[in-house]
Amino acid sequence: MANEITFSITTTRFDEDYAPSDSSRITTNFANLARGERRQENPRNALTMIDRRFNDLAQRDNPERDRYTVELDIVSVQLRFSDGEDRDFPVLEVLDIHIVDRVTGERHHGIVGNNFSSYLRDYDFSVVLPAANAAGTGFTTPDDFGVLHGKLFQHFLESDAYQDRFSSLPVICISVSTSRTYRRTGTEHPVLGIEYVQDSFSLTDEYFGKMGLQVRYFMPHGSAAPLAFYFRGDLLSDYSDLQLIGTISTMETFQKIYRPEIYNATTPAESVYRPSLAHEDYEHTEITYDREERGQLAVAQGRYADEHFVTPHRRVLDQWAAAYPAPVSLASASPAAVR
């Protein structure tokens, strides 16, 4: 097929020596930390926070403070068209987690996904959505908003590049939405913690739903707020306790850095919870992060995707998407009994 799309994967270890590549989205959580005067100190401190949180969760009954350590690999995904053009376009980045048991020497493969970074998502939210609402007549989303992104994500999961490297489906773990209210369900998981449900789907829920992902919200033991887990399959039974702890410790750490008002609050979320970035009762981490700059860069990178990927390949992308089935939208699962 002239419009066939293939993928390739490269990985980079995230540690104190990490430096973002020219193709990395610099709005990405981990890439943003590895910049500026504290580009080594920031990742080192973040990894220390991850290890500390992992050991807290993994050994609540008999803690050995340094038994486990977490290693993070950045998984960068490039897309190529089969039209003879010798160029790969960087489409997304996720994190792959490895867990090392310092006592037994065992290594455990964690969950892939966790953080989710996408040039095309920047395009959708920073170019398409503002254009659709430029008239100021009320918020609206185009009928096809997120459809191409969802189909490309599905295609990546079905690709040889993904399936040859990863044996399980990804889990994306991000912040709850400040535009929604969350309520406890009364169920609790031994690792994921207390479950919450949202009052209605957020725009992010719907967007990830077009990628075939459903969402559940859990507040782990010792956390200040619930995390949003986007997944396929069964979040509660498809992954081991250590795998879930790896995702929790990694992504909660990043959220403490990026949204301390929510995830580093001194008072944990109550049974009815509305997240707010205006909250003042929280602690700062010792890690430098410029949230305002990140928002500005998201716009710049959305325009980059428009100029270098969407516009020059519009015809091929439209033809490919028209022939490719959309993932089943699973924006939210009904709360299930947690045993």
C-alpha atoms as a PDB file:
ATOM      1  CA  MET A   1       0.000   0.000   0.000  1.00  0.00           C
ATOM      2  CA  ALA A   2       1.274   3.439  -0.884  1.00  0.00           C
ATOM      3  CA  ASN A   3      -0.093   4.863   2.332  1.00  0.00           C
ATOM      4  CA  GLU A   4       1.160   2.173   4.720  1.00  0.00           C
ATOM      5  CA  ILE A   5       2.383   3.472   8.079  1.00  0.00           C
ATOM      6  CA  THR A   6       5.090   1.735  10.091  1.00  0.00           C
ATOM      7  CA  PHE A   7       6.762   2.462  13.408  1.00  0.00           C
ATOM      8  CA  SER A   8      10.197   2.151  14.944  1.00  0.00           C
ATOM      9  CA  ILE A   9      11.257   2.402  18.586  1.00  0.00           C
ATOM     10  CA  THR A  10      14.349   3.740  20.311  1.00  0.00           C
ATOM     11  CA  THR A  11      15.009   3.811  24.043  1.00  0.00           C
ATOM     12  CA  THR A  12      17.055   6.117  26.247  1.00  0.00           C
ATOM     13  CA  ARG A  13      17.803   5.644  29.929  1.00  0.00           C
ATOM     14  CA  PHE A  14      16.448   8.422  32.140  1.00  0.00           C
ATOM     15  CA  ASP A  15      19.094   9.198  34.741  1.00  0.00           C
ATOM     16  CA  GLU A  16      21.168  12.159  35.863  1.00  0.00           C
ATOM     17  CA  ASP A  17      23.150  12.049  32.602  1.00  0.00           C
ATOM     18  CA  TYR A  18      20.051  12.142  30.399  1.00  0.00           C
ATOM     19  CA  ALA A  19      19.880  14.924  27.814  1.00  0.00           C
ATOM     20  CA  PRO A  20      16.771  15.330  25.620  1.00  0.00           C
ATOM     21  CA  SER A  21      17.342  14.543  21.960  1.00  0.00           C
ATOM     22  CA  ASP A  22      16.496  17.021  19.226  1.00  0.00           C
ATOM     23  CA  SER A  23      13.318  15.035  18.467  1.00  0.00           C
ATOM     24  CA  SER A  24      12.053  14.852  22.058  1.00  0.00           C
ATOM     25  CA  ARG A  25       9.079  16.943  23.055  1.00  0.00           C
ATOM     26  CA  ILE A  26      10.618  19.322  25.568  1.00  0.00           C
ATOM     27  CA  THR A  27       7.234  19.698  27.250  1.00  0.00           C
ATOM     28  CA  THR A  28       7.521  16.051  28.276  1.00  0.00           C
ATOM     29  CA  ASN A  29       7.754  15.633  32.037  1.00  0.00           C
ATOM     30  CA  PHE A  30      11.156  13.992  32.142  1.00  0.00           C
ATOM     31  CA  ALA A  31      12.632  16.095  29.322  1.00  0.00           C
ATOM     32  CA  ASN A  32      11.603  19.316  31.028  1.00  0.00           C
ATOM     33  CA  LEU A  33      13.533  18.351  34.150  1.00  0.00           C
ATOM     34  CA  ALA A  34      16.778  17.689  32.300  1.00  0.00           C
ATOM     35  CA  ARG A  35      17.274  21.285  31.203  1.00  0.00           C
ATOM     36  CA  GLY A  36      18.861  24.371  32.685  1.00  0.00           C
ATOM     37  CA  GLU A  37      21.335  24.724  35.507  1.00  0.00           C
ATOM     38  CA  ARG A  38      19.891  21.794  37.499  1.00  0.00           C
ATOM     39  CA  ARG A  39      19.651  19.363  34.588  1.00  0.00           C
ATOM     40  CA  GLN A  40      21.519  16.662  36.537  1.00  0.00           C
ATOM     41  CA  GLU A  41      20.297  17.458  40.036  1.00  0.00           C
ATOM     42  CA  ASN A  42      16.629  17.436  39.008  1.00  0.00           C
ATOM     43  CA  PRO A  43      16.573  13.888  37.558  1.00  0.00           C
ATOM     44  CA  ARG A  44      18.714  12.586  40.420  1.00  0.00           C
ATOM     45  CA  ASN A  45      16.319  13.986  43.016  1.00  0.00           C
ATOM     46  CA  ALA A  46      13.273  12.746  41.114  1.00  0.00           C
ATOM     47  CA  LEU A  47      14.659   9.198  40.943  1.00  0.00           C
ATOM     48  CA  THR A  48      15.394   9.305  44.672  1.00  0.00           C
ATOM     49  CA  MET A  49      11.781  10.313  45.324  1.00  0.00           C
ATOM     50  CA  ILE A  50      10.559   7.452  43.112  1.00  0.00           C
ATOM     51  CA  ASP A  51      12.685   4.867  44.935  1.00  0.00           C
ATOM     52  CA  ARG A  52      11.564   6.130  48.346  1.00  0.00           C
ATOM     53  CA  ARG A  53       7.899   5.995  47.377  1.00  0.00           C
ATOM     54  CA  PHE A  54       8.283   2.553  45.790  1.00  0.00           C
ATOM     55  CA  ASN A  55       9.786   1.089  48.950  1.00  0.00           C
ATOM     56  CA  ASP A  56       7.097   2.734  51.083  1.00  0.00           C
ATOM     57  CA  LEU A  57       4.368   1.013  49.067  1.00  0.00           C
ATOM     58  CA  ALA A  58       6.121  -2.315  48.493  1.00  0.00           C
ATOM     59  CA  GLN A  59       7.132  -2.883  52.115  1.00  0.00           C
ATOM     60  CA  ARG A  60       4.486  -1.279  54.273  1.00  0.00           C
ATOM     61  CA  ASP A  61       4.596  -4.137  56.807  1.00  0.00           C
ATOM     62  CA  ASN A  62       8.366  -4.649  56.962  1.00  0.00           C
ATOM     63  CA  PRO A  63      10.133  -1.751  55.274  1.00  0.00           C
ATOM     64  CA  GLU A  64      13.694  -2.061  54.024  1.00  0.00           C
ATOM     65  CA  ARG A  65      14.256   1.478  52.898  1.00  0.00           C
ATOM     66  CA  ASP A  66      16.548   0.725  49.986  1.00  0.00           C
ATOM     67  CA  ARG A  67      15.562  -2.792  48.907  1.00  0.00           C
ATOM     68  CA  TYR A  68      14.105  -1.766  45.545  1.00  0.00           C
ATOM     69  CA  THR A  69      15.296   0.692  42.954  1.00  0.00           C
ATOM     70  CA  VAL A  70      13.458   1.796  39.827  1.00  0.00           C
ATOM     71  CA  GLU A  71      15.058   2.257  36.401  1.00  0.00           C
ATOM     72  CA  LEU A  72      13.281   4.291  33.716  1.00  0.00           C
ATOM     73  CA  ASP A  73      13.687   4.031  29.962  1.00  0.00           C
ATOM     74  CA  ILE A  74      12.223   6.641  27.639  1.00  0.00           C
ATOM     75  CA  VAL A  75      10.519   4.884  24.723  1.00  0.00           C
ATOM     76  CA  SER A  76      10.519   7.139  21.660  1.00  0.00           C
ATOM     77  CA  VAL A  77       8.290   6.137  18.744  1.00  0.00           C
ATOM     78  CA  GLN A  78       8.921   7.246  15.181  1.00  0.00           C
ATOM     79  CA  LEU A  79       6.439   6.984  12.303  1.00  0.00           C
ATOM     80  CA  ARG A  80       7.323   6.451   8.649  1.00  0.00           C
ATOM     81  CA  PHE A  81       5.194   6.448   5.495  1.00  0.00           C
ATOM     82  CA  SER A  82       5.910   3.893   2.782  1.00  0.00           C
ATOM     83  CA  ASP A  83       6.016   6.578   0.083  1.00  0.00           C
ATOM     84  CA  GLY A  84       9.766   6.538  -0.356  1.00  0.00           C
ATOM     85  CA  GLU A  85      10.374   9.557   1.861  1.00  0.00           C
ATOM     86  CA  ASP A  86      13.442   8.777   3.927  1.00  0.00           C
ATOM     87  CA  ARG A  87      12.339  10.510   7.104  1.00  0.00           C
ATOM     88  CA  ASP A  88      10.872   9.418  10.418  1.00  0.00           C
ATOM     89  CA  PHE A  89       8.525  11.696  12.339  1.00  0.00           C
ATOM     90  CA  PRO A  90       8.615  11.508  16.163  1.00  0.00           C
ATOM     91  CA  VAL A  91       5.035  10.827  17.185  1.00  0.00           C
ATOM     92  CA  LEU A  92       5.029   9.884  20.868  1.00  0.00           C
ATOM     93  CA  GLU A  93       7.069   9.037  23.938  1.00  0.00           C
ATOM     94  CA  VAL A  94       6.217   6.891  26.947  1.00  0.00           C
ATOM     95  CA  LEU A  95       8.149   5.455  29.882  1.00  0.00           C
ATOM     96  CA  ASP A  96       9.146   1.843  30.424  1.00  0.00           C
ATOM     97  CA  ILE A  97       9.800   0.797  34.024  1.00  0.00           C
ATOM     98  CA  HIS A  98      12.256  -1.777  35.386  1.00  0.00           C
ATOM     99  CA  ILE A  99      12.370  -2.776  39.041  1.00  0.00           C
ATOM    100  CA  VAL A 100      15.546  -4.091  40.647  1.00  0.00           C
ATOM    101  CA  ASP A 101      15.461  -6.055  43.907  1.00  0.00           C
ATOM    102  CA  ARG A 102      18.774  -5.290  45.587  1.00  0.00           C
ATOM    103  CA  VAL A 103      18.340  -8.165  48.068  1.00  0.00           C
ATOM    104  CA  THR A 104      17.706 -11.030  45.623  1.00  0.00           C
ATOM    105  CA  GLY A 105      19.234  -9.499  42.508  1.00  0.00           C
ATOM    106  CA  GLU A 106      16.011 -10.108  40.573  1.00  0.00           C
ATOM    107  CA  ARG A 107      14.847  -7.727  37.864  1.00  0.00           C
ATOM    108  CA  HIS A 108      11.155  -7.215  37.191  1.00  0.00           C
ATOM    109  CA  HIS A 109       9.717  -5.604  34.075  1.00  0.00           C
ATOM    110  CA  GLY A 110       7.212  -2.960  35.068  1.00  0.00           C
ATOM    111  CA  ILE A 111       4.453  -1.376  33.007  1.00  0.00           C
ATOM    112  CA  VAL A 112       5.095   0.506  29.779  1.00  0.00           C
ATOM    113  CA  GLY A 113       3.222   3.769  29.221  1.00  0.00           C
ATOM    114  CA  ASN A 114       2.958   5.795  32.435  1.00  0.00           C
ATOM    115  CA  ASN A 115       3.771   9.239  31.083  1.00  0.00           C
ATOM    116  CA  PHE A 116       2.249   9.917  27.633  1.00  0.00           C
ATOM    117  CA  SER A 117       3.707  12.507  25.310  1.00  0.00           C
ATOM    118  CA  SER A 118       2.438  13.091  21.769  1.00  0.00           C
ATOM    119  CA  TYR A 119       3.153  15.707  19.125  1.00  0.00           C
ATOM    120  CA  LEU A 120      -0.201  15.016  17.498  1.00  0.00           C
ATOM    121  CA  ARG A 121      -2.017  15.525  20.796  1.00  0.00           C
ATOM    122  CA  ASP A 122      -0.268  18.922  21.071  1.00  0.00           C
ATOM    123  CA  TYR A 123      -1.570  19.668  17.574  1.00  0.00           C
ATOM    124  CA  ASP A 124      -5.115  18.677  18.501  1.00  0.00           C
ATOM    125  CA  PHE A 125      -5.222  20.697  21.717  1.00  0.00           C
ATOM    126  CA  SER A 126      -3.066  23.671  20.701  1.00  0.00           C
ATOM    127  CA  VAL A 127      -4.050  24.136  17.031  1.00  0.00           C
ATOM    128  CA  VAL A 128      -7.303  22.331  16.205  1.00  0.00           C
ATOM    129  CA  LEU A 129      -9.241  23.097  19.387  1.00  0.00           C
ATOM    130  CA  PRO A 130      -8.422  26.851  19.534  1.00  0.00           C
ATOM    131  CA  ALA A 131      -9.331  27.188  15.844  1.00  0.00           C
ATOM    132  CA  ALA A 132     -12.679  25.483  16.436  1.00  0.00           C
ATOM    133  CA  ASN A 133     -13.454  27.930  19.250  1.00  0.00           C
ATOM    134  CA  ALA A 134     -12.051  31.100  17.716  1.00  0.00           C
ATOM    135  CA  ALA A 135     -15.514  32.587  17.156  1.00  0.00           C
ATOM    136  CA  GLY A 136     -16.171  32.628  20.900  1.00  0.00           C
ATOM    137  CA  THR A 137     -19.757  31.389  20.551  1.00  0.00           C
ATOM    138  CA  GLY A 138     -19.416  28.595  23.116  1.00  0.00           C
ATOM    139  CA  PHE A 139     -16.992  25.746  23.611  1.00  0.00           C
ATOM    140  CA  THR A 140     -17.130  23.018  20.996  1.00  0.00           C
ATOM    141  CA  THR A 141     -14.997  20.152  19.748  1.00  0.00           C
ATOM    142  CA  PRO A 142     -14.900  19.103  16.076  1.00  0.00           C
ATOM    143  CA  ASP A 143     -16.647  15.813  15.287  1.00  0.00           C
ATOM    144  CA  ASP A 144     -13.353  14.206  14.303  1.00  0.00           C
ATOM    145  CA  PHE A 145     -11.375  15.603  17.242  1.00  0.00           C
ATOM    146  CA  GLY A 146      -8.783  13.052  18.319  1.00  0.00           C
ATOM    147  CA  VAL A 147      -9.871  10.417  15.786  1.00  0.00           C
ATOM    148  CA  LEU A 148      -6.634  10.328  13.777  1.00  0.00           C
ATOM    149  CA  HIS A 149      -4.582  10.286  16.981  1.00  0.00           C
ATOM    150  CA  GLY A 150      -6.643   7.404  18.354  1.00  0.00           C
ATOM    151  CA  LYS A 151      -6.278   5.347  15.182  1.00  0.00           C
ATOM    152  CA  LEU A 152      -2.512   5.894  15.039  1.00  0.00           C
ATOM    153  CA  PHE A 153      -2.191   4.845  18.691  1.00  0.00           C
ATOM    154  CA  GLN A 154      -4.224   1.694  18.015  1.00  0.00           C
ATOM    155  CA  HIS A 155      -2.062   0.976  14.954  1.00  0.00           C
ATOM    156  CA  PHE A 156       1.076   1.354  17.050  1.00  0.00           C
ATOM    157  CA  LEU A 157      -0.183  -1.154  19.634  1.00  0.00           C
ATOM    158  CA  GLU A 158      -0.903  -3.625  16.837  1.00  0.00           C
ATOM    159  CA  SER A 159       2.453  -3.060  15.140  1.00  0.00           C
ATOM    160  CA  ASP A 160       5.390  -5.444  15.113  1.00  0.00           C
ATOM    161  CA  ALA A 161       7.476  -2.685  16.676  1.00  0.00           C
ATOM    162  CA  TYR A 162       5.312  -2.719  19.815  1.00  0.00           C
ATOM    163  CA  GLN A 163       4.463  -6.401  20.024  1.00  0.00           C
ATOM    164  CA  ASP A 164       8.020  -7.582  19.463  1.00  0.00           C
ATOM    165  CA  ARG A 165       9.214  -5.488  22.404  1.00  0.00           C
ATOM    166  CA  PHE A 166       6.359  -5.426  24.933  1.00  0.00           C
ATOM    167  CA  SER A 167       4.312  -8.370  26.185  1.00  0.00           C
ATOM    168  CA  SER A 168       1.513  -6.413  27.905  1.00  0.00           C
ATOM    169  CA  LEU A 169      -0.713  -3.459  27.140  1.00  0.00           C
ATOM    170  CA  PRO A 170       0.259   0.043  28.301  1.00  0.00           C
ATOM    171  CA  VAL A 171      -1.155   1.964  31.239  1.00  0.00           C
ATOM    172  CA  ILE A 172      -1.121   5.769  31.170  1.00  0.00           C
ATOM    173  CA  CYS A 173      -1.164   7.450  34.585  1.00  0.00           C
ATOM    174  CA  ILE A 174      -1.774  11.201  34.814  1.00  0.00           C
ATOM    175  CA  SER A 175      -3.358  13.880  36.984  1.00  0.00           C
ATOM    176  CA  VAL A 176      -7.061  14.154  37.662  1.00  0.00           C
ATOM    177  CA  SER A 177      -8.871  17.011  35.932  1.00  0.00           C
ATOM    178  CA  THR A 178      -9.401  20.331  37.707  1.00  0.00           C
ATOM    179  CA  SER A 179     -12.719  20.668  35.856  1.00  0.00           C
ATOM    180  CA  ARG A 180     -14.357  17.621  37.449  1.00  0.00           C
ATOM    181  CA  THR A 181     -15.542  16.494  40.884  1.00  0.00           C
ATOM    182  CA  TYR A 182     -14.569  13.042  42.173  1.00  0.00           C
ATOM    183  CA  ARG A 183     -16.361  10.873  44.742  1.00  0.00           C
ATOM    184  CA  ARG A 184     -15.244   7.764  46.583  1.00  0.00           C
ATOM    185  CA  THR A 185     -16.949   4.542  45.534  1.00  0.00           C
ATOM    186  CA  GLY A 186     -16.457   2.688  48.797  1.00  0.00           C
ATOM    187  CA  THR A 187     -14.104   0.125  47.227  1.00  0.00           C
ATOM    188  CA  GLU A 188     -10.400  -0.197  47.937  1.00  0.00           C
ATOM    189  CA  HIS A 189      -7.584  -2.101  46.248  1.00  0.00           C
ATOM    190  CA  PRO A 190      -4.580  -3.268  48.323  1.00  0.00           C
ATOM    191  CA  VAL A 191      -2.110  -1.470  46.020  1.00  0.00           C
ATOM    192  CA  LEU A 192      -4.075   1.081  43.997  1.00  0.00           C
ATOM    193  CA  GLY A 193      -5.909   2.271  47.088  1.00  0.00           C
ATOM    194  CA  ILE A 194      -9.250   4.069  47.382  1.00  0.00           C
ATOM    195  CA  GLU A 195     -11.305   4.297  44.221  1.00  0.00           C
ATOM    196  CA  TYR A 196     -13.031   7.486  43.055  1.00  0.00           C
ATOM    197  CA  VAL A 197     -15.399   8.165  40.158  1.00  0.00           C
ATOM    198  CA  GLN A 198     -15.809  11.426  38.273  1.00  0.00           C
ATOM    199  CA  ASP A 199     -19.101  13.297  37.876  1.00  0.00           C
ATOM    200  CA  SER A 200     -18.798  13.293  34.065  1.00  0.00           C
ATOM    201  CA  PHE A 201     -16.204  12.635  31.385  1.00  0.00           C
ATOM    202  CA  SER A 202     -13.514  15.279  30.980  1.00  0.00           C
ATOM    203  CA  LEU A 203     -12.168  16.245  27.569  1.00  0.00           C
ATOM    204  CA  THR A 204      -9.058  14.190  28.396  1.00  0.00           C
ATOM    205  CA  ASP A 205     -11.229  11.158  29.273  1.00  0.00           C
ATOM    206  CA  GLU A 206     -12.954  11.435  25.906  1.00  0.00           C
ATOM    207  CA  TYR A 207      -9.667  11.917  24.057  1.00  0.00           C
ATOM    208  CA  PHE A 208      -8.089   8.840  25.622  1.00  0.00           C
ATOM    209  CA  GLY A 209     -11.360   7.013  25.007  1.00  0.00           C
ATOM    210  CA  LYS A 210     -10.791   7.511  21.274  1.00  0.00           C
ATOM    211  CA  MET A 211      -7.502   5.679  21.790  1.00  0.00           C
ATOM    212  CA  GLY A 212      -9.499   2.718  23.111  1.00  0.00           C
ATOM    213  CA  LEU A 213      -8.593   3.398  26.739  1.00  0.00           C
ATOM    214  CA  GLN A 214     -10.915   3.332  29.722  1.00  0.00           C
ATOM    215  CA  VAL A 215     -10.233   5.184  32.955  1.00  0.00           C
ATOM    216  CA  ARG A 216     -10.400   4.498  36.673  1.00  0.00           C
ATOM    217  CA  TYR A 217      -9.277   6.731  39.517  1.00  0.00           C
ATOM    218  CA  PHE A 218      -7.450   5.506  42.621  1.00  0.00           C
ATOM    219  CA  MET A 219      -5.760   7.218  45.555  1.00  0.00           C
ATOM    220  CA  PRO A 220      -2.960   4.933  46.832  1.00  0.00           C
ATOM    221  CA  HIS A 221      -2.052   4.645  50.509  1.00  0.00           C
ATOM    222  CA  GLY A 222      -0.200   7.774  51.617  1.00  0.00           C
ATOM    223  CA  SER A 223      -1.206   9.819  48.549  1.00  0.00           C
ATOM    224  CA  ALA A 224      -2.765  13.267  48.660  1.00  0.00           C
ATOM    225  CA  ALA A 225      -5.071  12.844  45.661  1.00  0.00           C
ATOM    226  CA  PRO A 226      -6.324  10.187  43.244  1.00  0.00           C
ATOM    227  CA  LEU A 227      -4.464   9.437  40.034  1.00  0.00           C
ATOM    228  CA  ALA A 228      -6.140   8.767  36.676  1.00  0.00           C
ATOM    229  CA  PHE A 229      -5.249   5.361  35.190  1.00  0.00           C
ATOM    230  CA  TYR A 230      -6.015   4.898  31.481  1.00  0.00           C
ATOM    231  CA  PHE A 231      -5.794   1.304  30.289  1.00  0.00           C
ATOM    232  CA  ARG A 232      -7.189  -1.589  28.259  1.00  0.00           C
ATOM    233  CA  GLY A 233      -8.061  -4.978  29.634  1.00  0.00           C
ATOM    234  CA  ASP A 234      -8.280  -5.366  33.411  1.00  0.00           C
ATOM    235  CA  LEU A 235      -6.209  -2.932  35.452  1.00  0.00           C
ATOM    236  CA  LEU A 236      -6.702  -4.971  38.631  1.00  0.00           C
ATOM    237  CA  SER A 237      -5.655  -8.402  37.364  1.00  0.00           C
ATOM    238  CA  ASP A 238      -3.427  -7.889  34.313  1.00  0.00           C
ATOM    239  CA  TYR A 239      -0.483  -6.518  36.317  1.00  0.00           C
ATOM    240  CA  SER A 240       1.438  -7.619  39.393  1.00  0.00           C
ATOM    241  CA  ASP A 241       1.593  -5.610  42.613  1.00  0.00           C
ATOM    242  CA  LEU A 242       5.195  -4.612  41.890  1.00  0.00           C
ATOM    243  CA  GLN A 243       4.240  -3.429  38.402  1.00  0.00           C
ATOM    244  CA  LEU A 244       1.415  -1.270  39.744  1.00  0.00           C
ATOM    245  CA  ILE A 245       3.673   0.130  42.474  1.00  0.00           C
ATOM    246  CA  GLY A 246       6.250   1.024  39.834  1.00  0.00           C
ATOM    247  CA  THR A 247       3.701   3.095  37.938  1.00  0.00           C
ATOM    248  CA  ILE A 248       2.292   4.722  41.082  1.00  0.00           C
ATOM    249  CA  SER A 249       5.684   5.684  42.518  1.00  0.00           C
ATOM    250  CA  THR A 250       6.950   7.043  39.193  1.00  0.00           C
ATOM    251  CA  MET A 251       3.936   9.062  38.130  1.00  0.00           C
ATOM    252  CA  GLU A 252       3.005  10.321  41.585  1.00  0.00           C
ATOM    253  CA  THR A 253       6.542  11.681  41.875  1.00  0.00           C
ATOM    254  CA  PHE A 254       6.233  13.540  38.578  1.00  0.00           C
ATOM    255  CA  GLN A 255       2.859  14.942  39.618  1.00  0.00           C
ATOM    256  CA  LYS A 256       4.269  16.143  42.942  1.00  0.00           C
ATOM    257  CA  ILE A 257       6.772  18.121  40.904  1.00  0.00           C
ATOM    258  CA  TYR A 258       4.365  19.433  38.250  1.00  0.00           C
ATOM    259  CA  ARG A 259       1.155  19.803  40.241  1.00  0.00           C
ATOM    260  CA  PRO A 260       2.224  20.152  43.892  1.00  0.00           C
ATOM    261  CA  GLU A 261      -1.021  21.967  44.743  1.00  0.00           C
ATOM    262  CA  ILE A 262      -2.808  18.645  44.147  1.00  0.00           C
ATOM    263  CA  TYR A 263      -0.290  15.861  44.723  1.00  0.00           C
ATOM    264  CA  ASN A 264       1.927  17.401  47.373  1.00  0.00           C
ATOM    265  CA  ALA A 265      -0.944  18.865  49.383  1.00  0.00           C
ATOM    266  CA  THR A 266      -0.612  18.548  53.148  1.00  0.00           C
ATOM    267  CA  THR A 267      -4.257  17.438  53.501  1.00  0.00           C
ATOM    268  CA  PRO A 268      -5.374  14.389  51.493  1.00  0.00           C
ATOM    269  CA  ALA A 269      -8.466  14.379  49.291  1.00  0.00           C
ATOM    270  CA  GLU A 270     -11.740  13.822  51.114  1.00  0.00           C
ATOM    271  CA  SER A 271     -14.644  11.624  50.042  1.00  0.00           C
ATOM    272  CA  VAL A 272     -15.863  14.351  47.640  1.00  0.00           C
ATOM    273  CA  TYR A 273     -12.942  16.010  45.914  1.00  0.00           C
ATOM    274  CA  ARG A 274     -12.508  18.878  43.430  1.00  0.00           C
ATOM    275  CA  PRO A 275      -8.839  19.347  42.455  1.00  0.00           C
ATOM    276  CA  SER A 276      -7.564  22.915  42.235  1.00  0.00           C
ATOM    277  CA  LEU A 277      -4.292  24.528  41.228  1.00  0.00           C
ATOM    278  CA  ALA A 278      -5.276  27.514  43.384  1.00  0.00           C
ATOM    279  CA  HIS A 279      -4.888  25.383  46.527  1.00  0.00           C
ATOM    280  CA  GLU A 280      -2.317  26.947  48.893  1.00  0.00           C
ATOM    281  CA  ASP A 281      -1.900  24.191  51.483  1.00  0.00           C
ATOM    282  CA  TYR A 282       0.935  22.229  49.864  1.00  0.00           C
ATOM    283  CA  GLU A 283       4.689  21.709  49.985  1.00  0.00           C
ATOM    284  CA  HIS A 284       7.177  22.491  47.235  1.00  0.00           C
ATOM    285  CA  THR A 285       9.640  19.862  46.091  1.00  0.00           C
ATOM    286  CA  GLU A 286      13.289  20.819  45.654  1.00  0.00           C
ATOM    287  CA  ILE A 287      13.041  20.235  41.923  1.00  0.00           C
ATOM    288  CA  THR A 288      12.930  23.107  39.437  1.00  0.00           C
ATOM    289  CA  TYR A 289      10.041  23.184  36.985  1.00  0.00           C
ATOM    290  CA  ASP A 290       8.565  26.019  34.893  1.00  0.00           C
ATOM    291  CA  ARG A 291       4.879  25.259  34.338  1.00  0.00           C
ATOM    292  CA  GLU A 292       4.234  28.453  32.378  1.00  0.00           C
ATOM    293  CA  GLU A 293       7.036  27.685  29.948  1.00  0.00           C
ATOM    294  CA  ARG A 294       5.678  24.176  29.471  1.00  0.00           C
ATOM    295  CA  GLY A 295       2.327  25.573  28.342  1.00  0.00           C
ATOM    296  CA  GLN A 296       4.023  27.890  25.856  1.00  0.00           C
ATOM    297  CA  LEU A 297       6.116  25.054  24.453  1.00  0.00           C
ATOM    298  CA  ALA A 298       3.040  22.860  23.961  1.00  0.00           C
ATOM    299  CA  VAL A 299       1.659  25.477  21.561  1.00  0.00           C
ATOM    300  CA  ALA A 300       4.967  25.695  19.687  1.00  0.00           C
ATOM    301  CA  GLN A 301       5.187  21.930  19.344  1.00  0.00           C
ATOM    302  CA  GLY A 302       1.578  21.665  18.187  1.00  0.00           C
ATOM    303  CA  ARG A 303       2.413  24.091  15.404  1.00  0.00           C
ATOM    304  CA  TYR A 304       5.531  22.057  14.606  1.00  0.00           C
ATOM    305  CA  ALA A 305       3.394  18.937  14.182  1.00  0.00           C
ATOM    306  CA  ASP A 306       1.026  20.871  11.928  1.00  0.00           C
ATOM    307  CA  GLU A 307       3.829  22.198   9.727  1.00  0.00           C
ATOM    308  CA  HIS A 308       5.988  19.086   9.494  1.00  0.00           C
ATOM    309  CA  PHE A 309       3.536  16.203   9.836  1.00  0.00           C
ATOM    310  CA  VAL A 310      -0.169  16.941   9.433  1.00  0.00           C
ATOM    311  CA  THR A 311      -0.219  19.511   6.617  1.00  0.00           C
ATOM    312  CA  PRO A 312       2.411  17.966   4.294  1.00  0.00           C
ATOM    313  CA  HIS A 313       0.920  14.468   4.723  1.00  0.00           C
ATOM    314  CA  ARG A 314      -2.763  15.409   4.947  1.00  0.00           C
ATOM    315  CA  ARG A 315      -3.852  13.437   1.866  1.00  0.00           C
ATOM    316  CA  VAL A 316      -2.062  10.257   2.915  1.00  0.00           C
ATOM    317  CA  LEU A 317      -3.245  10.535   6.521  1.00  0.00           C
ATOM    318  CA  ASP A 318      -6.859  11.063   5.443  1.00  0.00           C
ATOM    319  CA  GLN A 319      -6.728   8.075   3.095  1.00  0.00           C
ATOM    320  CA  TRP A 320      -5.146   5.870   5.728  1.00  0.00           C
ATOM    321  CA  ALA A 321      -7.557   6.937   8.489  1.00  0.00           C
ATOM    322  CA  ALA A 322     -10.611   6.401   6.261  1.00  0.00           C
ATOM    323  CA  ALA A 323      -9.633   2.757   5.780  1.00  0.00           C
ATOM    324  CA  TYR A 324      -8.600   2.084   9.378  1.00  0.00           C
ATOM    325  CA  PRO A 325     -11.234   1.113  11.967  1.00  0.00           C
ATOM    326  CA  ALA A 326     -11.553   3.337  15.002  1.00  0.00           C
ATOM    327  CA  PRO A 327     -10.734   1.785  18.385  1.00  0.00           C
ATOM    328  CA  VAL A 328     -13.739   0.945  20.518  1.00  0.00           C
ATOM    329  CA  SER A 329     -14.236   4.015  22.708  1.00  0.00           C
ATOM    330  CA  LEU A 330     -13.963   2.969  26.346  1.00  0.00           C
ATOM    331  CA  ALA A 331     -13.780   6.310  28.096  1.00  0.00           C
ATOM    332  CA  SER A 332     -14.846   4.968  31.466  1.00  0.00           C
ATOM    333  CA  ALA A 333     -15.479   1.623  33.064  1.00  0.00           C
ATOM    334  CA  SER A 334     -18.236   1.035  35.538  1.00  0.00           C
ATOM    335  CA  PRO A 335     -16.713   0.732  38.997  1.00  0.00           C
ATOM    336  CA  ALA A 336     -16.131  -2.950  39.671  1.00  0.00           C
ATOM    337  CA  ALA A 337     -16.019  -4.743  42.960  1.00  0.00           C
ATOM    338  CA  VAL A 338     -12.464  -4.777  44.220  1.00  0.00           C
ATOM    339  CA  ARG A 339     -11.488  -7.903  46.061  1.00  0.00           C
END
